[in-house]
PDB file of N, CA and C in Angstrom:
ATOM      1  N   ILE A   1      57.336 129.534 107.857  1.00  0.00           N
ATOM      2  CA  ILE A   1      56.844 129.684 106.496  1.00  0.00           C
ATOM      3  C   ILE A   1      56.265 131.072 106.323  1.00  0.00           C
ATOM      4  N   VAL A   2      55.500 131.523 107.321  1.00  0.00           N
ATOM      5  CA  VAL A   2      54.893 132.854 107.222  1.00  0.00           C
ATOM      6  C   VAL A   2      55.971 133.918 107.115  1.00  0.00           C
ATOM      7  N   SER A   3      56.955 133.868 108.009  1.00  0.00           N
ATOM      8  CA  SER A   3      57.973 134.921 107.988  1.00  0.00           C
ATOM      9  C   SER A   3      58.816 134.874 106.721  1.00  0.00           C
ATOM     10  N   SER A   4      59.145 133.675 106.242  1.00  0.00           N
ATOM     11  CA  SER A   4      59.942 133.602 105.015  1.00  0.00           C
ATOM     12  C   SER A   4      59.145 134.098 103.814  1.00  0.00           C
ATOM     13  N   LEU A   5      57.859 133.774 103.756  1.00  0.00           N
ATOM     14  CA  LEU A   5      57.050 134.263 102.631  1.00  0.00           C
ATOM     15  C   LEU A   5      56.795 135.765 102.713  1.00  0.00           C
ATOM     16  N   VAL A   6      56.638 136.287 103.920  1.00  0.00           N
ATOM     17  CA  VAL A   6      56.476 137.739 104.051  1.00  0.00           C
ATOM     18  C   VAL A   6      57.741 138.444 103.579  1.00  0.00           C
ATOM     19  N   MET A   7      58.906 137.879 103.898  1.00  0.00           N
ATOM     20  CA  MET A   7      60.160 138.466 103.418  1.00  0.00           C
ATOM     21  C   MET A   7      60.267 138.369 101.899  1.00  0.00           C
ATOM     22  N   VAL A   8      59.827 137.262 101.324  1.00  0.00           N
ATOM     23  CA  VAL A   8      59.850 137.111  99.864  1.00  0.00           C
ATOM     24  C   VAL A   8      58.933 138.143  99.220  1.00  0.00           C
ATOM     25  N   VAL A   9      57.743 138.333  99.798  1.00  0.00           N
ATOM     26  CA  VAL A   9      56.800 139.321  99.260  1.00  0.00           C
ATOM     27  C   VAL A   9      57.415 140.715  99.332  1.00  0.00           C
ATOM     28  N   THR A  10      58.058 141.029 100.447  1.00  0.00           N
ATOM     29  CA  THR A  10      58.686 142.340 100.595  1.00  0.00           C
ATOM     30  C   THR A  10      59.818 142.524  99.588  1.00  0.00           C
ATOM     31  N   ASP A  11      60.622 141.483  99.412  1.00  0.00           N
ATOM     32  CA  ASP A  11      61.746 141.579  98.475  1.00  0.00           C
ATOM     33  C   ASP A  11      61.284 141.622  97.020  1.00  0.00           C
ATOM     34  N   LYS A  12      60.180 141.002  96.710  1.00  0.00           N
ATOM     35  CA  LYS A  12      59.731 140.860  95.327  1.00  0.00           C
ATOM     36  C   LYS A  12      58.598 141.814  94.959  1.00  0.00           C
ATOM     37  N   LYS A  13      58.414 142.877  95.720  1.00  0.00           N
ATOM     38  CA  LYS A  13      57.315 143.803  95.420  1.00  0.00           C
ATOM     39  C   LYS A  13      57.394 144.361  94.011  1.00  0.00           C
ATOM     40  N   SER A  14      58.581 144.689  93.565  1.00  0.00           N
ATOM     41  CA  SER A  14      58.689 145.250  92.209  1.00  0.00           C
ATOM     42  C   SER A  14      58.393 144.177  91.166  1.00  0.00           C
ATOM     43  N   ASP A  15      58.822 142.953  91.405  1.00  0.00           N
ATOM     44  CA  ASP A  15      58.517 141.868  90.464  1.00  0.00           C
ATOM     45  C   ASP A  15      57.020 141.580  90.422  1.00  0.00           C
ATOM     46  N   ILE A  16      56.391 141.615  91.601  1.00  0.00           N
ATOM     47  CA  ILE A  16      54.935 141.419  91.661  1.00  0.00           C
ATOM     48  C   ILE A  16      54.230 142.533  90.900  1.00  0.00           C
ATOM     49  N   ALA A  17      54.722 143.764  91.082  1.00  0.00           N
ATOM     50  CA  ALA A  17      54.118 144.898  90.381  1.00  0.00           C
ATOM     51  C   ALA A  17      54.264 144.759  88.870  1.00  0.00           C
ATOM     52  N   ILE A  18      55.403 144.287  88.416  1.00  0.00           N
ATOM     53  CA  ILE A  18      55.603 144.092  86.979  1.00  0.00           C
ATOM     54  C   ILE A  18      54.662 143.018  86.457  1.00  0.00           C
ATOM     55  N   LEU A  19      54.514 141.928  87.218  1.00  0.00           N
ATOM     56  CA  LEU A  19      53.558 140.887  86.807  1.00  0.00           C
ATOM     57  C   LEU A  19      52.141 141.439  86.737  1.00  0.00           C
ATOM     58  N   ARG A  20      51.786 142.265  87.708  1.00  0.00           N
ATOM     59  CA  ARG A  20      50.444 142.857  87.695  1.00  0.00           C
ATOM     60  C   ARG A  20      50.260 143.786  86.499  1.00  0.00           C
ATOM     61  N   THR A  21      51.323 144.528  86.140  1.00  0.00           N
ATOM     62  CA  THR A  21      51.228 145.436  84.992  1.00  0.00           C
ATOM     63  C   THR A  21      51.129 144.671  83.689  1.00  0.00           C
ATOM     64  N   LEU A  22      51.727 143.483  83.658  1.00  0.00           N
ATOM     65  CA  LEU A  22      51.654 142.662  82.455  1.00  0.00           C
ATOM     66  C   LEU A  22      50.341 141.898  82.346  1.00  0.00           C
ATOM     67  N   GLY A  23      49.482 142.043  83.347  1.00  0.00           N
ATOM     68  CA  GLY A  23      48.161 141.435  83.242  1.00  0.00           C
ATOM     69  C   GLY A  23      47.856 140.316  84.214  1.00  0.00           C
ATOM     70  N   ALA A  24      48.770 140.020  85.126  1.00  0.00           N
ATOM     71  CA  ALA A  24      48.499 138.964  86.109  1.00  0.00           C
ATOM     72  C   ALA A  24      47.436 139.447  87.086  1.00  0.00           C
ATOM     73  N   SER A  25      46.462 138.620  87.321  1.00  0.00           N
ATOM     74  CA  SER A  25      45.391 138.991  88.244  1.00  0.00           C
ATOM     75  C   SER A  25      45.851 138.763  89.684  1.00  0.00           C
ATOM     76  N   PRO A  26      45.165 139.370  90.644  1.00  0.00           N
ATOM     77  CA  PRO A  26      45.496 139.106  92.047  1.00  0.00           C
ATOM     78  C   PRO A  26      45.377 137.627  92.407  1.00  0.00           C
ATOM     79  N   ALA A  27      44.448 136.925  91.784  1.00  0.00           N
ATOM     80  CA  ALA A  27      44.301 135.490  92.046  1.00  0.00           C
ATOM     81  C   ALA A  27      45.532 134.721  91.577  1.00  0.00           C
ATOM     82  N   THR A  28      46.120 135.134  90.471  1.00  0.00           N
ATOM     83  CA  THR A  28      47.329 134.482  89.973  1.00  0.00           C
ATOM     84  C   THR A  28      48.493 134.704  90.927  1.00  0.00           C
ATOM     85  N   ILE A  29      48.636 135.923  91.404  1.00  0.00           N
ATOM     86  CA  ILE A  29      49.699 136.238  92.365  1.00  0.00           C
ATOM     87  C   ILE A  29      49.487 135.441  93.650  1.00  0.00           C
ATOM     88  N   THR A  30      48.247 135.346  94.096  1.00  0.00           N
ATOM     89  CA  THR A  30      47.933 134.567  95.295  1.00  0.00           C
ATOM     90  C   THR A  30      48.327 133.110  95.104  1.00  0.00           C
ATOM     91  N   ARG A  31      47.977 132.551  93.957  1.00  0.00           N
ATOM     92  CA  ARG A  31      48.314 131.151  93.682  1.00  0.00           C
ATOM     93  C   ARG A  31      49.819 130.926  93.649  1.00  0.00           C
ATOM     94  N   ILE A  32      50.558 131.854  93.081  1.00  0.00           N
ATOM     95  CA  ILE A  32      52.015 131.715  93.010  1.00  0.00           C
ATOM     96  C   ILE A  32      52.605 131.570  94.407  1.00  0.00           C
ATOM     97  N   PHE A  33      52.208 132.447  95.314  1.00  0.00           N
ATOM     98  CA  PHE A  33      52.777 132.409  96.657  1.00  0.00           C
ATOM     99  C   PHE A  33      52.224 131.254  97.486  1.00  0.00           C
ATOM    100  N   MET A  34      50.997 130.846  97.231  1.00  0.00           N
ATOM    101  CA  MET A  34      50.460 129.693  97.948  1.00  0.00           C
ATOM    102  C   MET A  34      51.159 128.410  97.502  1.00  0.00           C
ATOM    103  N   VAL A  35      51.448 128.295  96.223  1.00  0.00           N
ATOM    104  CA  VAL A  35      52.174 127.118  95.734  1.00  0.00           C
ATOM    105  C   VAL A  35      53.590 127.110  96.297  1.00  0.00           C
ATOM    106  N   GLN A  36      54.244 128.251  96.324  1.00  0.00           N
ATOM    107  CA  GLN A  36      55.598 128.325  96.860  1.00  0.00           C
ATOM    108  C   GLN A  36      55.617 127.910  98.337  1.00  0.00           C
ATOM    109  N   GLY A  37      54.703 128.426  99.127  1.00  0.00           N
ATOM    110  CA  GLY A  37      54.643 128.066 100.543  1.00  0.00           C
ATOM    111  C   GLY A  37      54.275 126.614 100.763  1.00  0.00           C
ATOM    112  N   THR A  38      53.387 126.100  99.939  1.00  0.00           N
ATOM    113  CA  THR A  38      52.991 124.696 100.065  1.00  0.00           C
ATOM    114  C   THR A  38      54.147 123.773  99.722  1.00  0.00           C
ATOM    115  N   ILE A  39      54.919 124.119  98.707  1.00  0.00           N
ATOM    116  CA  ILE A  39      56.090 123.304  98.354  1.00  0.00           C
ATOM    117  C   ILE A  39      57.107 123.309  99.488  1.00  0.00           C
ATOM    118  N   ILE A  40      57.332 124.464 100.096  1.00  0.00           N
ATOM    119  CA  ILE A  40      58.240 124.541 101.248  1.00  0.00           C
ATOM    120  C   ILE A  40      57.718 123.656 102.376  1.00  0.00           C
ATOM    121  N   GLY A  41      56.422 123.722 102.635  1.00  0.00           N
ATOM    122  CA  GLY A  41      55.827 122.904 103.690  1.00  0.00           C
ATOM    123  C   GLY A  41      55.907 121.420 103.403  1.00  0.00           C
ATOM    124  N   VAL A  42      55.678 121.028 102.159  1.00  0.00           N
ATOM    125  CA  VAL A  42      55.755 119.606 101.797  1.00  0.00           C
ATOM    126  C   VAL A  42      57.182 119.089 101.938  1.00  0.00           C
ATOM    127  N   ILE A  43      58.150 119.852 101.466  1.00  0.00           N
ATOM    128  CA  ILE A  43      59.552 119.428 101.584  1.00  0.00           C
ATOM    129  C   ILE A  43      59.952 119.299 103.054  1.00  0.00           C
ATOM    130  N   GLY A  44      59.591 120.286 103.858  1.00  0.00           N
ATOM    131  CA  GLY A  44      59.919 120.239 105.285  1.00  0.00           C
ATOM    132  C   GLY A  44      59.219 119.111 106.009  1.00  0.00           C
ATOM    133  N   THR A  45      57.955 118.887 105.692  1.00  0.00           N
ATOM    134  CA  THR A  45      57.195 117.831 106.356  1.00  0.00           C
ATOM    135  C   THR A  45      57.719 116.455 105.986  1.00  0.00           C
ATOM    136  N   VAL A  46      57.953 116.228 104.711  1.00  0.00           N
ATOM    137  CA  VAL A  46      58.423 114.914 104.268  1.00  0.00           C
ATOM    138  C   VAL A  46      59.816 114.627 104.825  1.00  0.00           C
ATOM    139  N   SER A  47      60.715 115.595 104.739  1.00  0.00           N
ATOM    140  CA  SER A  47      62.067 115.357 105.264  1.00  0.00           C
ATOM    141  C   SER A  47      62.046 115.189 106.775  1.00  0.00           C
ATOM    142  N   GLY A  48      61.227 115.970 107.479  1.00  0.00           N
ATOM    143  CA  GLY A  48      61.112 115.813 108.924  1.00  0.00           C
ATOM    144  C   GLY A  48      60.517 114.479 109.321  1.00  0.00           C
ATOM    145  N   ALA A  49      59.516 114.023 108.576  1.00  0.00           N
ATOM    146  CA  ALA A  49      58.901 112.729 108.884  1.00  0.00           C
ATOM    147  C   ALA A  49      59.885 111.590 108.645  1.00  0.00           C
ATOM    148  N   ILE A  50      60.628 111.648 107.553  1.00  0.00           N
ATOM    149  CA  ILE A  50      61.601 110.596 107.261  1.00  0.00           C
ATOM    150  C   ILE A  50      62.701 110.562 108.321  1.00  0.00           C
ATOM    151  N   LEU A  51      63.258 111.722 108.639  1.00  0.00           N
ATOM    152  CA  LEU A  51      64.310 111.767 109.655  1.00  0.00           C
ATOM    153  C   LEU A  51      63.774 111.370 111.024  1.00  0.00           C
ATOM    154  N   GLY A  52      62.560 111.774 111.356  1.00  0.00           N
ATOM    155  CA  GLY A  52      61.958 111.411 112.636  1.00  0.00           C
ATOM    156  C   GLY A  52      61.732 109.920 112.768  1.00  0.00           C
ATOM    157  N   VAL A  53      61.237 109.286 111.707  1.00  0.00           N
ATOM    158  CA  VAL A  53      61.015 107.833 111.731  1.00  0.00           C
ATOM    159  C   VAL A  53      62.345 107.097 111.852  1.00  0.00           C
ATOM    160  N   ILE A  54      63.346 107.536 111.112  1.00  0.00           N
ATOM    161  CA  ILE A  54      64.668 106.904 111.200  1.00  0.00           C
ATOM    162  C   ILE A  54      65.234 107.051 112.611  1.00  0.00           C
ATOM    163  N   PHE A  55      65.146 108.256 113.155  1.00  0.00           N
ATOM    164  CA  PHE A  55      65.675 108.513 114.497  1.00  0.00           C
ATOM    165  C   PHE A  55      64.909 107.720 115.549  1.00  0.00           C
ATOM    166  N   ALA A  56      63.580 107.721 115.470  1.00  0.00           N
ATOM    167  CA  ALA A  56      62.772 107.025 116.478  1.00  0.00           C
ATOM    168  C   ALA A  56      62.957 105.514 116.422  1.00  0.00           C
ATOM    169  N   SER A  57      63.142 104.969 115.231  1.00  0.00           N
ATOM    170  CA  SER A  57      63.293 103.522 115.132  1.00  0.00           C
ATOM    171  C   SER A  57      64.703 103.051 115.473  1.00  0.00           C
ATOM    172  N   GLY A  58      65.682 103.929 115.432  1.00  0.00           N
ATOM    173  CA  GLY A  58      67.048 103.518 115.700  1.00  0.00           C
ATOM    174  C   GLY A  58      67.633 104.016 116.996  1.00  0.00           C
ATOM    175  N   ILE A  59      66.876 104.760 117.789  1.00  0.00           N
ATOM    176  CA  ILE A  59      67.438 105.371 118.995  1.00  0.00           C
ATOM    177  C   ILE A  59      67.797 104.344 120.058  1.00  0.00           C
ATOM    178  N   SER A  60      67.000 103.290 120.196  1.00  0.00           N
ATOM    179  CA  SER A  60      67.294 102.273 121.215  1.00  0.00           C
ATOM    180  C   SER A  60      68.617 101.580 120.924  1.00  0.00           C
ATOM    181  N   GLY A  61      68.813 101.193 119.681  1.00  0.00           N
ATOM    182  CA  GLY A  61      70.067 100.549 119.296  1.00  0.00           C
ATOM    183  C   GLY A  61      71.259 101.472 119.428  1.00  0.00           C
ATOM    184  N   PHE A  62      71.072 102.745 119.084  1.00  0.00           N
ATOM    185  CA  PHE A  62      72.168 103.708 119.174  1.00  0.00           C
ATOM    186  C   PHE A  62      72.579 103.934 120.623  1.00  0.00           C
ATOM    187  N   ILE A  63      71.620 104.075 121.509  1.00  0.00           N
ATOM    188  CA  ILE A  63      71.935 104.281 122.927  1.00  0.00           C
ATOM    189  C   ILE A  63      72.619 103.040 123.498  1.00  0.00           C
ATOM    190  N   GLY A  64      72.150 101.840 123.101  1.00  0.00           N
ATOM    191  CA  GLY A  64      72.802 100.604 123.541  1.00  0.00           C
ATOM    192  C   GLY A  64      74.237 100.529 123.057  1.00  0.00           C
ATOM    193  N   TRP A  65      74.466 100.895 121.802  1.00  0.00           N
ATOM    194  CA  TRP A  65      75.819 100.914 121.252  1.00  0.00           C
ATOM    195  C   TRP A  65      76.685 101.929 121.985  1.00  0.00           C
ATOM    196  N   LEU A  66      76.125 103.090 122.267  1.00  0.00           N
ATOM    197  CA  LEU A  66      76.853 104.149 122.962  1.00  0.00           C
ATOM    198  C   LEU A  66      77.267 103.690 124.352  1.00  0.00           C
ATOM    199  N   ASN A  67      76.369 102.991 125.046  1.00  0.00           N
ATOM    200  CA  ASN A  67      76.680 102.483 126.390  1.00  0.00           C
ATOM    201  C   ASN A  67      77.817 101.464 126.355  1.00  0.00           C
ATOM    202  N   THR A  68      77.761 100.546 125.391  1.00  0.00           N
ATOM    203  CA  THR A  68      78.793  99.508 125.344  1.00  0.00           C
ATOM    204  C   THR A  68      80.105 100.028 124.754  1.00  0.00           C
ATOM    205  N   ALA A  69      80.043 100.889 123.778  1.00  0.00           N
ATOM    206  CA  ALA A  69      81.263 101.372 123.126  1.00  0.00           C
ATOM    207  C   ALA A  69      82.104 102.249 124.051  1.00  0.00           C
ATOM    208  N   PHE A  70      81.453 103.060 124.850  1.00  0.00           N
ATOM    209  CA  PHE A  70      82.183 103.999 125.708  1.00  0.00           C
ATOM    210  C   PHE A  70      82.106 103.637 127.185  1.00  0.00           C
ATOM    211  N   GLY A  71      81.510 102.498 127.494  1.00  0.00           N
ATOM    212  CA  GLY A  71      81.416 102.070 128.885  1.00  0.00           C
ATOM    213  C   GLY A  71      80.542 102.979 129.722  1.00  0.00           C
ATOM    214  N   LEU A  72      79.552 103.568 129.117  1.00  0.00           N
ATOM    215  CA  LEU A  72      78.660 104.474 129.831  1.00  0.00           C
ATOM    216  C   LEU A  72      77.450 103.712 130.352  1.00  0.00           C
ATOM    217  N   ASN A  73      76.867 104.248 131.363  1.00  0.00           N
ATOM    218  CA  ASN A  73      75.597 103.729 131.878  1.00  0.00           C
ATOM    219  C   ASN A  73      74.658 104.922 131.995  1.00  0.00           C
ATOM    220  N   LEU A  74      74.144 105.363 130.864  1.00  0.00           N
ATOM    221  CA  LEU A  74      73.375 106.594 130.806  1.00  0.00           C
ATOM    222  C   LEU A  74      72.078 106.554 131.591  1.00  0.00           C
ATOM    223  N   PHE A  75      71.500 105.367 131.743  1.00  0.00           N
ATOM    224  CA  PHE A  75      70.184 105.292 132.359  1.00  0.00           C
ATOM    225  C   PHE A  75      70.192 104.611 133.721  1.00  0.00           C
ATOM    226  N   ASP A  76      71.342 104.486 134.347  1.00  0.00           N
ATOM    227  CA  ASP A  76      71.398 103.845 135.663  1.00  0.00           C
ATOM    228  C   ASP A  76      70.598 104.618 136.706  1.00  0.00           C
ATOM    229  N   ALA A  77      70.577 105.922 136.601  1.00  0.00           N
ATOM    230  CA  ALA A  77      69.832 106.732 137.570  1.00  0.00           C
ATOM    231  C   ALA A  77      68.330 106.498 137.468  1.00  0.00           C
ATOM    232  N   TYR A  78      67.868 105.963 136.344  1.00  0.00           N
ATOM    233  CA  TYR A  78      66.436 105.740 136.134  1.00  0.00           C
ATOM    234  C   TYR A  78      66.046 104.274 136.281  1.00  0.00           C
ATOM    235  N   PHE A  79      66.977 103.426 136.700  1.00  0.00           N
ATOM    236  CA  PHE A  79      66.745 101.997 136.930  1.00  0.00           C
ATOM    237  C   PHE A  79      66.335 101.249 135.666  1.00  0.00           C
ATOM    238  N   ILE A  80      66.811 101.716 134.514  1.00  0.00           N
ATOM    239  CA  ILE A  80      66.620 101.005 133.252  1.00  0.00           C
ATOM    240  C   ILE A  80      67.962 100.979 132.532  1.00  0.00           C
ATOM    241  N   ASN A  81      68.122 100.069 131.606  1.00  0.00           N
ATOM    242  CA  ASN A  81      69.385 100.005 130.877  1.00  0.00           C
ATOM    243  C   ASN A  81      69.216 100.213 129.375  1.00  0.00           C
ATOM    244  N   TYR A  82      68.056 100.733 128.959  1.00  0.00           N
ATOM    245  CA  TYR A  82      67.833 101.001 127.544  1.00  0.00           C
ATOM    246  C   TYR A  82      66.837 102.162 127.417  1.00  0.00           C
ATOM    247  N   LEU A  83      66.758 102.709 126.244  1.00  0.00           N
ATOM    248  CA  LEU A  83      65.807 103.784 125.976  1.00  0.00           C
ATOM    249  C   LEU A  83      64.642 103.199 125.181  1.00  0.00           C
ATOM    250  N   PRO A  84      63.488 103.082 125.813  1.00  0.00           N
ATOM    251  CA  PRO A  84      62.352 102.488 125.084  1.00  0.00           C
ATOM    252  C   PRO A  84      61.852 103.441 124.002  1.00  0.00           C
ATOM    253  N   SER A  85      61.626 102.885 122.854  1.00  0.00           N
ATOM    254  CA  SER A  85      61.113 103.686 121.745  1.00  0.00           C
ATOM    255  C   SER A  85      60.133 102.832 120.954  1.00  0.00           C
ATOM    256  N   TYR A  86      58.930 103.354 120.793  1.00  0.00           N
ATOM    257  CA  TYR A  86      57.892 102.639 120.052  1.00  0.00           C
ATOM    258  C   TYR A  86      57.305 103.600 119.029  1.00  0.00           C
ATOM    259  N   LEU A  87      57.367 103.233 117.776  1.00  0.00           N
ATOM    260  CA  LEU A  87      56.879 104.082 116.686  1.00  0.00           C
ATOM    261  C   LEU A  87      55.443 103.699 116.352  1.00  0.00           C
ATOM    262  N   ARG A  88      54.541 104.669 116.491  1.00  0.00           N
ATOM    263  CA  ARG A  88      53.146 104.442 116.133  1.00  0.00           C
ATOM    264  C   ARG A  88      52.875 105.162 114.820  1.00  0.00           C
ATOM    265  N   TRP A  89      52.560 104.392 113.793  1.00  0.00           N
ATOM    266  CA  TRP A  89      52.353 104.955 112.455  1.00  0.00           C
ATOM    267  C   TRP A  89      51.134 105.857 112.410  1.00  0.00           C
ATOM    268  N   GLN A  90      50.142 105.615 113.244  1.00  0.00           N
ATOM    269  CA  GLN A  90      48.970 106.492 113.289  1.00  0.00           C
ATOM    270  C   GLN A  90      49.381 107.900 113.713  1.00  0.00           C
ATOM    271  N   ASP A  91      50.301 107.980 114.681  1.00  0.00           N
ATOM    272  CA  ASP A  91      50.783 109.288 115.121  1.00  0.00           C
ATOM    273  C   ASP A  91      51.566 109.993 114.013  1.00  0.00           C
ATOM    274  N   VAL A  92      52.362 109.229 113.291  1.00  0.00           N
ATOM    275  CA  VAL A  92      53.140 109.809 112.197  1.00  0.00           C
ATOM    276  C   VAL A  92      52.199 110.383 111.133  1.00  0.00           C
ATOM    277  N   VAL A  93      51.165 109.637 110.789  1.00  0.00           N
ATOM    278  CA  VAL A  93      50.216 110.090 109.761  1.00  0.00           C
ATOM    279  C   VAL A  93      49.474 111.333 110.238  1.00  0.00           C
ATOM    280  N   VAL A  94      49.028 111.347 111.487  1.00  0.00           N
ATOM    281  CA  VAL A  94      48.304 112.512 112.022  1.00  0.00           C
ATOM    282  C   VAL A  94      49.209 113.742 112.020  1.00  0.00           C
ATOM    283  N   ILE A  95      50.443 113.577 112.466  1.00  0.00           N
ATOM    284  CA  ILE A  95      51.368 114.708 112.529  1.00  0.00           C
ATOM    285  C   ILE A  95      51.713 115.219 111.135  1.00  0.00           C
ATOM    286  N   VAL A  96      51.908 114.324 110.182  1.00  0.00           N
ATOM    287  CA  VAL A  96      52.201 114.744 108.809  1.00  0.00           C
ATOM    288  C   VAL A  96      51.013 115.502 108.222  1.00  0.00           C
ATOM    289  N   CYS A  97      49.803 114.994 108.429  1.00  0.00           N
ATOM    290  CA  CYS A  97      48.612 115.677 107.904  1.00  0.00           C
ATOM    291  C   CYS A  97      48.428 117.052 108.544  1.00  0.00           C
ATOM    292  N   LEU A  98      48.605 117.134 109.865  1.00  0.00           N
ATOM    293  CA  LEU A  98      48.486 118.432 110.537  1.00  0.00           C
ATOM    294  C   LEU A  98      49.569 119.402 110.072  1.00  0.00           C
ATOM    295  N   SER A  99      50.760 118.907 109.879  1.00  0.00           N
ATOM    296  CA  SER A  99      51.849 119.760 109.420  1.00  0.00           C
ATOM    297  C   SER A  99      51.588 120.298 108.015  1.00  0.00           C
ATOM    298  N   LEU A 100      51.096 119.428 107.140  1.00  0.00           N
ATOM    299  CA  LEU A 100      50.765 119.887 105.785  1.00  0.00           C
ATOM    300  C   LEU A 100      49.636 120.910 105.811  1.00  0.00           C
ATOM    301  N   GLY A 101      48.635 120.666 106.631  1.00  0.00           N
ATOM    302  CA  GLY A 101      47.519 121.609 106.742  1.00  0.00           C
ATOM    303  C   GLY A 101      47.952 122.952 107.298  1.00  0.00           C
ATOM    304  N   LEU A 102      48.769 122.925 108.346  1.00  0.00           N
ATOM    305  CA  LEU A 102      49.242 124.179 108.936  1.00  0.00           C
ATOM    306  C   LEU A 102      50.169 124.936 107.994  1.00  0.00           C
ATOM    307  N   SER A 103      50.987 124.207 107.248  1.00  0.00           N
ATOM    308  CA  SER A 103      51.868 124.900 106.308  1.00  0.00           C
ATOM    309  C   SER A 103      51.064 125.534 105.179  1.00  0.00           C
ATOM    310  N   PHE A 104      49.971 124.886 104.778  1.00  0.00           N
ATOM    311  CA  PHE A 104      49.108 125.500 103.767  1.00  0.00           C
ATOM    312  C   PHE A 104      48.413 126.736 104.333  1.00  0.00           C
ATOM    313  N   LEU A 105      47.919 126.648 105.561  1.00  0.00           N
ATOM    314  CA  LEU A 105      47.266 127.803 106.183  1.00  0.00           C
ATOM    315  C   LEU A 105      48.233 128.968 106.385  1.00  0.00           C
ATOM    316  N   ALA A 106      49.502 128.631 106.618  1.00  0.00           N
ATOM    317  CA  ALA A 106      50.501 129.676 106.821  1.00  0.00           C
ATOM    318  C   ALA A 106      50.793 130.461 105.556  1.00  0.00           C
ATOM    319  N   THR A 107      50.410 129.939 104.411  1.00  0.00           N
ATOM    320  CA  THR A 107      50.677 130.650 103.151  1.00  0.00           C
ATOM    321  C   THR A 107      49.607 131.685 102.820  1.00  0.00           C
ATOM    322  N   ILE A 108      48.475 131.627 103.499  1.00  0.00           N
ATOM    323  CA  ILE A 108      47.338 132.474 103.114  1.00  0.00           C
ATOM    324  C   ILE A 108      47.640 133.955 103.309  1.00  0.00           C
ATOM    325  N   TYR A 109      48.117 134.355 104.494  1.00  0.00           N
ATOM    326  CA  TYR A 109      48.361 135.770 104.751  1.00  0.00           C
ATOM    327  C   TYR A 109      49.392 136.372 103.792  1.00  0.00           C
ATOM    328  N   PRO A 110      50.589 135.772 103.627  1.00  0.00           N
ATOM    329  CA  PRO A 110      51.547 136.365 102.687  1.00  0.00           C
ATOM    330  C   PRO A 110      51.046 136.387 101.241  1.00  0.00           C
ATOM    331  N   ALA A 111      50.276 135.377 100.864  1.00  0.00           N
ATOM    332  CA  ALA A 111      49.770 135.342  99.491  1.00  0.00           C
ATOM    333  C   ALA A 111      48.774 136.469  99.251  1.00  0.00           C
ATOM    334  N   PHE A 112      47.883 136.707 100.201  1.00  0.00           N
ATOM    335  CA  PHE A 112      46.935 137.804 100.040  1.00  0.00           C
ATOM    336  C   PHE A 112      47.628 139.159 100.122  1.00  0.00           C
ATOM    337  N   ARG A 113      48.664 139.237 100.938  1.00  0.00           N
ATOM    338  CA  ARG A 113      49.435 140.479 101.011  1.00  0.00           C
ATOM    339  C   ARG A 113      50.125 140.762  99.675  1.00  0.00           C
ATOM    340  N   ALA A 114      50.635 139.714  99.037  1.00  0.00           N
ATOM    341  CA  ALA A 114      51.270 139.891  97.724  1.00  0.00           C
ATOM    342  C   ALA A 114      50.248 140.296  96.679  1.00  0.00           C
ATOM    343  N   ALA A 115      49.040 139.738  96.767  1.00  0.00           N
ATOM    344  CA  ALA A 115      48.013 140.058  95.781  1.00  0.00           C
ATOM    345  C   ALA A 115      47.523 141.495  95.905  1.00  0.00           C
ATOM    346  N   LYS A 116      47.650 142.080  97.087  1.00  0.00           N
ATOM    347  CA  LYS A 116      47.195 143.460  97.295  1.00  0.00           C
ATOM    348  C   LYS A 116      48.231 144.496  96.873  1.00  0.00           C
ATOM    349  N   THR A 117      49.366 144.050  96.371  1.00  0.00           N
ATOM    350  CA  THR A 117      50.404 144.982  95.939  1.00  0.00           C
ATOM    351  C   THR A 117      49.895 145.827  94.780  1.00  0.00           C
ATOM    352  N   GLN A 118      49.994 147.125  94.944  1.00  0.00           N
ATOM    353  CA  GLN A 118      49.580 148.060  93.902  1.00  0.00           C
ATOM    354  C   GLN A 118      50.789 148.371  93.021  1.00  0.00           C
ATOM    355  N   PRO A 119      50.675 148.144  91.717  1.00  0.00           N
ATOM    356  CA  PRO A 119      51.825 148.343  90.828  1.00  0.00           C
ATOM    357  C   PRO A 119      52.409 149.757  90.881  1.00  0.00           C
ATOM    358  N   ALA A 120      51.556 150.751  90.914  1.00  0.00           N
ATOM    359  CA  ALA A 120      52.054 152.129  90.909  1.00  0.00           C
ATOM    360  C   ALA A 120      52.835 152.438  92.173  1.00  0.00           C
ATOM    361  N   GLU A 121      52.356 151.986  93.314  1.00  0.00           N
ATOM    362  CA  GLU A 121      53.047 152.221  94.581  1.00  0.00           C
ATOM    363  C   GLU A 121      54.376 151.470  94.628  1.00  0.00           C
ATOM    364  N   ALA A 122      54.385 150.235  94.172  1.00  0.00           N
ATOM    365  CA  ALA A 122      55.608 149.429  94.254  1.00  0.00           C
ATOM    366  C   ALA A 122      56.684 149.912  93.298  1.00  0.00           C
ATOM    367  N   LEU A 123      56.288 150.426  92.145  1.00  0.00           N
ATOM    368  CA  LEU A 123      57.274 150.860  91.150  1.00  0.00           C
ATOM    369  C   LEU A 123      57.613 152.338  91.238  1.00  0.00           C
ATOM    370  N   ARG A 124      57.024 153.038  92.163  1.00  0.00           N
ATOM    371  CA  ARG A 124      57.235 154.482  92.269  1.00  0.00           C
ATOM    372  C   ARG A 124      58.699 154.849  92.471  1.00  0.00           C
ATOM    373  N   TYR A 125      59.401 154.113  93.320  1.00  0.00           N
ATOM    374  CA  TYR A 125      60.782 154.480  93.656  1.00  0.00           C
ATOM    375  C   TYR A 125      61.817 153.608  92.960  1.00  0.00           C
ATOM    376  N   GLU A 126      61.413 152.858  91.977  1.00  0.00           N
ATOM    377  CA  GLU A 126      62.356 151.997  91.239  1.00  0.00           C
ATOM    378  C   GLU A 126      63.073 152.773  90.167  1.00  0.00           C
TER     379      GLU A 126
END
């Protein structure tokens, strides 16, 4: 998130400068980039959590199907015949909350960097 937002800030310096010249305050520019980064983080976290829950809850059945369909014995070396998988919802909630918090924190540096853009410097070579 940090690297993608830093690239967006670098690419949009002239647009940021135009917004600043039209009267946008540094706080407004900061909010724009923080909202953009937070939306990216929310989309990534929600999609990752959904795919992770689906994968974790279905992995035992998939491995069992794979063993019977192709005649494989993937876990014979480990003296088990299945892949144990137990989904703990408390862990999912903690990981989702930490991911959302970290994605929000990751937006702070690029947002402040965008807010410090000086219109005259950014538009000098345009």
